[in-house]
Amino acid sequence: MSKVIGITGIFGSGKTTVSSILKNKGFPVISSDEIVHQLLKRKDIKDSVTKEFGKDILDENGEISRKRLGEIVFYDSNKMKRLEEIIHPEVFKEINRIILDYKKKKSKIIFVEIPLLFETKAESFFDKVIVVYAHPSVIKKRLQSKFSDEEIERRWRYQIPQEVKKEKADFVIDNSYSFQKTEKQVEKILEILCCN
């Protein structure tokens, strides 16, 4: 019987770091961000999103620029809601499809990295949920070359606060320190998951 484990956390907390540790240890990890990236290239989705948000979101190659799209939706909650209505059902369809593939391959534990796990009320979809946490000042420092503090905080406003996510979690990984410390916490969780 396969276990499906959700990995979540706020923007910049280090979900991708945890996912990369798991991948290096040979576990399958499904990234909902990667799925969104692929979906935005799919003709029907691309047409719907472009129709909704205008041609200005396209880059010089005619592809949807996630940066331009982000600049629109992170400043307008109604537009964010509209984008989620287009994208989220397709994301979950694809996650389900990939999980079934892994189950057929007899994968014991399947991890799914999903930033908006609690926001989309997807808890019942998973056997356990891991929340990746990092101190806000640490996140801002790590992201300062790509995002301003204002941009980071604007993204956080669309997410359930870290403290609430931690309370809802089965496991919490504190990613405020070194990679090695994060890896040790991942290993401890794996011991529990593999033995139960």
Protein backbone atom coordinates (compact mmCIF):
# COMPACT_ATOMS: atom_id res chain seq x y z
CA MET A 1 0.00 0.00 0.00
CA SER A 2 1.54 3.32 -1.09
CA LYS A 3 1.61 6.32 1.22
CA VAL A 4 1.10 9.75 -0.33
CA ILE A 5 2.80 12.54 1.62
CA GLY A 6 2.21 16.24 1.01
CA ILE A 7 5.04 18.78 1.35
CA THR A 8 3.98 22.37 1.86
CA GLY A 9 5.08 25.68 3.34
CA ILE A 10 4.99 29.38 2.55
CA PHE A 11 6.80 31.00 -0.38
CA GLY A 12 10.56 30.68 0.11
CA SER A 13 10.47 28.30 3.08
CA GLY A 14 12.54 25.62 1.33
CA LYS A 15 10.09 23.06 -0.03
CA THR A 16 12.31 22.54 -3.08
CA THR A 17 15.33 21.90 -0.84
CA VAL A 18 13.42 19.18 1.03
CA SER A 19 12.18 17.72 -2.28
CA SER A 20 15.74 17.58 -3.66
CA ILE A 21 16.92 15.70 -0.53
CA LEU A 22 14.11 13.17 -1.00
CA LYS A 23 14.87 12.77 -4.72
CA ASN A 24 18.55 12.19 -3.93
CA LYS A 25 17.48 9.42 -1.58
CA GLY A 26 15.53 7.78 -4.41
CA PHE A 27 11.97 8.78 -3.49
CA PRO A 28 9.49 9.94 -6.13
CA VAL A 29 8.55 13.62 -5.72
CA ILE A 30 5.78 15.28 -7.73
CA SER A 31 6.14 19.05 -8.03
CA SER A 32 2.88 20.95 -8.48
CA ASP A 33 4.93 23.99 -9.57
CA GLU A 34 6.43 21.97 -12.42
CA ILE A 35 2.93 20.77 -13.35
CA VAL A 36 1.70 24.41 -13.45
CA HIS A 37 4.70 25.28 -15.63
CA GLN A 38 3.75 22.54 -18.11
CA LEU A 39 0.04 23.37 -18.01
CA LEU A 40 0.69 27.01 -18.91
CA LYS A 41 2.24 25.72 -22.16
CA ARG A 42 -0.79 23.55 -22.99
CA LYS A 43 -2.84 25.19 -25.74
CA ASP A 44 -6.27 25.08 -24.06
CA ILE A 45 -4.93 26.42 -20.74
CA LYS A 46 -2.73 28.99 -22.44
CA ASP A 47 -5.71 30.23 -24.46
CA SER A 48 -7.94 30.46 -21.35
CA VAL A 49 -5.31 32.32 -19.33
CA THR A 50 -4.45 34.69 -22.20
CA LYS A 51 -8.14 35.39 -22.81
CA GLU A 52 -8.60 36.18 -19.13
CA PHE A 53 -5.46 38.27 -18.53
CA GLY A 54 -4.58 39.68 -21.96
CA LYS A 55 -1.73 39.25 -24.43
CA ASP A 56 0.63 41.35 -22.28
CA ILE A 57 1.37 38.26 -20.18
CA LEU A 58 3.10 36.61 -23.17
CA ASP A 59 6.87 36.81 -23.55
CA GLU A 60 8.80 37.39 -26.79
CA ASN A 61 8.43 33.67 -27.65
CA GLY A 62 4.64 33.78 -27.26
CA GLU A 63 4.77 31.78 -24.01
CA ILE A 64 3.08 32.86 -20.78
CA SER A 65 5.55 34.78 -18.61
CA ARG A 66 5.00 33.61 -15.03
CA LYS A 67 6.65 36.81 -13.84
CA ARG A 68 4.19 39.03 -15.76
CA LEU A 69 1.26 36.88 -14.71
CA GLY A 70 2.45 37.05 -11.10
CA GLU A 71 2.63 40.84 -11.27
CA ILE A 72 -1.09 40.85 -12.13
CA VAL A 73 -2.50 38.19 -9.80
CA PHE A 74 -0.47 39.05 -6.69
CA TYR A 75 -1.93 42.55 -6.78
CA ASP A 76 -5.57 41.55 -7.22
CA SER A 77 -7.27 38.79 -5.21
CA ASN A 78 -10.13 38.45 -7.72
CA LYS A 79 -7.69 37.84 -10.57
CA MET A 80 -5.79 35.36 -8.41
CA LYS A 81 -9.06 33.52 -7.75
CA ARG A 82 -9.84 33.42 -11.47
CA LEU A 83 -6.41 32.00 -12.31
CA GLU A 84 -6.81 29.33 -9.62
CA GLU A 85 -10.21 28.35 -11.05
CA ILE A 86 -8.57 27.73 -14.44
CA ILE A 87 -5.42 25.98 -13.16
CA HIS A 88 -6.14 24.09 -9.93
CA PRO A 89 -8.57 21.41 -11.24
CA GLU A 90 -6.05 20.52 -13.96
CA VAL A 91 -3.16 20.43 -11.48
CA PHE A 92 -4.99 17.94 -9.26
CA LYS A 93 -5.96 15.81 -12.26
CA GLU A 94 -2.30 15.59 -13.26
CA ILE A 95 -1.11 14.89 -9.69
CA ASN A 96 -3.64 12.03 -9.48
CA ARG A 97 -2.49 10.62 -12.80
CA ILE A 98 1.19 10.63 -11.75
CA ILE A 99 0.38 9.13 -8.33
CA LEU A 100 -1.45 6.25 -10.04
CA ASP A 101 1.61 5.66 -12.23
CA TYR A 102 3.86 5.46 -9.17
CA LYS A 103 1.40 3.15 -7.39
CA LYS A 104 1.47 0.81 -10.39
CA LYS A 105 5.26 0.77 -10.05
CA LYS A 106 4.75 -0.26 -6.39
CA SER A 107 6.35 2.90 -4.96
CA LYS A 108 6.01 2.67 -1.15
CA ILE A 109 6.08 6.43 -0.46
CA ILE A 110 5.14 9.16 -2.95
CA PHE A 111 5.81 12.80 -2.06
CA VAL A 112 3.88 15.72 -3.55
CA GLU A 113 5.25 19.25 -3.21
CA ILE A 114 2.23 21.54 -3.16
CA PRO A 115 2.55 25.15 -1.90
CA LEU A 116 -1.21 25.75 -1.51
CA LEU A 117 -2.05 22.41 0.10
CA PHE A 118 -4.09 23.89 2.98
CA GLU A 119 -5.39 26.79 0.92
CA THR A 120 -6.92 24.37 -1.59
CA LYS A 121 -8.28 22.22 1.29
CA ALA A 122 -6.38 19.22 -0.06
CA GLU A 123 -5.41 17.68 3.32
CA SER A 124 -7.69 14.66 2.87
CA PHE A 125 -5.79 13.84 -0.33
CA PHE A 126 -2.66 12.93 1.71
CA ASP A 127 -1.80 10.31 4.31
CA LYS A 128 0.53 12.75 6.10
CA VAL A 129 1.58 16.37 5.61
CA ILE A 130 5.06 17.84 6.08
CA VAL A 131 5.30 21.61 6.58
CA VAL A 132 8.64 23.20 5.72
CA TYR A 133 9.24 26.22 7.92
CA ALA A 134 11.90 28.95 7.91
CA HIS A 135 12.19 32.17 9.88
CA PRO A 136 10.80 35.09 7.77
CA SER A 137 14.07 37.06 8.05
CA VAL A 138 16.00 34.02 6.78
CA ILE A 139 13.62 33.62 3.82
CA LYS A 140 13.97 37.30 2.88
CA LYS A 141 17.76 37.08 3.05
CA ARG A 142 17.82 33.95 0.87
CA LEU A 143 15.52 35.51 -1.74
CA GLN A 144 16.92 39.05 -1.72
CA SER A 145 18.66 38.68 -5.09
CA LYS A 146 15.36 37.74 -6.82
CA PHE A 147 12.57 39.43 -4.86
CA SER A 148 12.13 42.58 -2.80
CA ASP A 149 10.78 42.26 0.75
CA GLU A 150 7.52 43.81 -0.49
CA GLU A 151 7.13 41.19 -3.25
CA ILE A 152 7.79 38.36 -0.78
CA GLU A 153 5.28 39.72 1.73
CA ARG A 154 2.70 40.21 -1.01
CA ARG A 155 2.97 36.51 -1.89
CA TRP A 156 2.73 35.53 1.77
CA ARG A 157 -0.55 37.42 2.06
CA TYR A 158 -2.16 34.88 -0.29
CA GLN A 159 -1.05 31.99 1.89
CA ILE A 160 -2.11 30.71 5.30
CA PRO A 161 0.46 31.92 7.89
CA GLN A 162 3.34 29.59 8.77
CA GLU A 163 2.26 29.19 12.41
CA VAL A 164 -1.18 27.93 11.31
CA LYS A 165 0.38 25.55 8.78
CA LYS A 166 2.69 24.17 11.48
CA GLU A 167 -0.29 23.42 13.73
CA LYS A 168 -2.01 21.51 10.91
CA ALA A 169 1.10 19.48 10.02
CA ASP A 170 1.98 15.90 10.90
CA PHE A 171 5.67 16.80 10.64
CA VAL A 172 7.50 20.15 10.67
CA ILE A 173 10.95 20.69 9.16
CA ASP A 174 12.76 23.84 10.33
CA ASN A 175 14.79 24.96 7.33
CA SER A 176 16.15 28.14 9.00
CA TYR A 177 19.67 26.73 9.38
CA SER A 178 22.12 24.66 7.37
CA PHE A 179 21.35 22.15 4.61
CA GLN A 180 22.82 19.41 6.83
CA LYS A 181 20.37 20.22 9.67
CA THR A 182 17.46 20.11 7.22
CA GLU A 183 18.68 16.80 5.80
CA LYS A 184 18.87 15.26 9.32
CA GLN A 185 15.24 16.25 9.95
CA VAL A 186 14.19 14.70 6.62
CA GLU A 187 15.99 11.47 7.56
CA LYS A 188 14.17 11.29 10.91
CA ILE A 189 10.80 11.67 9.17
CA LEU A 190 11.73 8.99 6.65
CA GLU A 191 12.56 6.59 9.49
CA ILE A 192 9.06 7.13 10.93
CA LEU A 193 7.30 6.86 7.55
CA CYS A 194 9.21 3.77 6.47
CA CYS A 195 8.56 1.93 9.73
CA ASN A 196 4.85 2.66 10.13
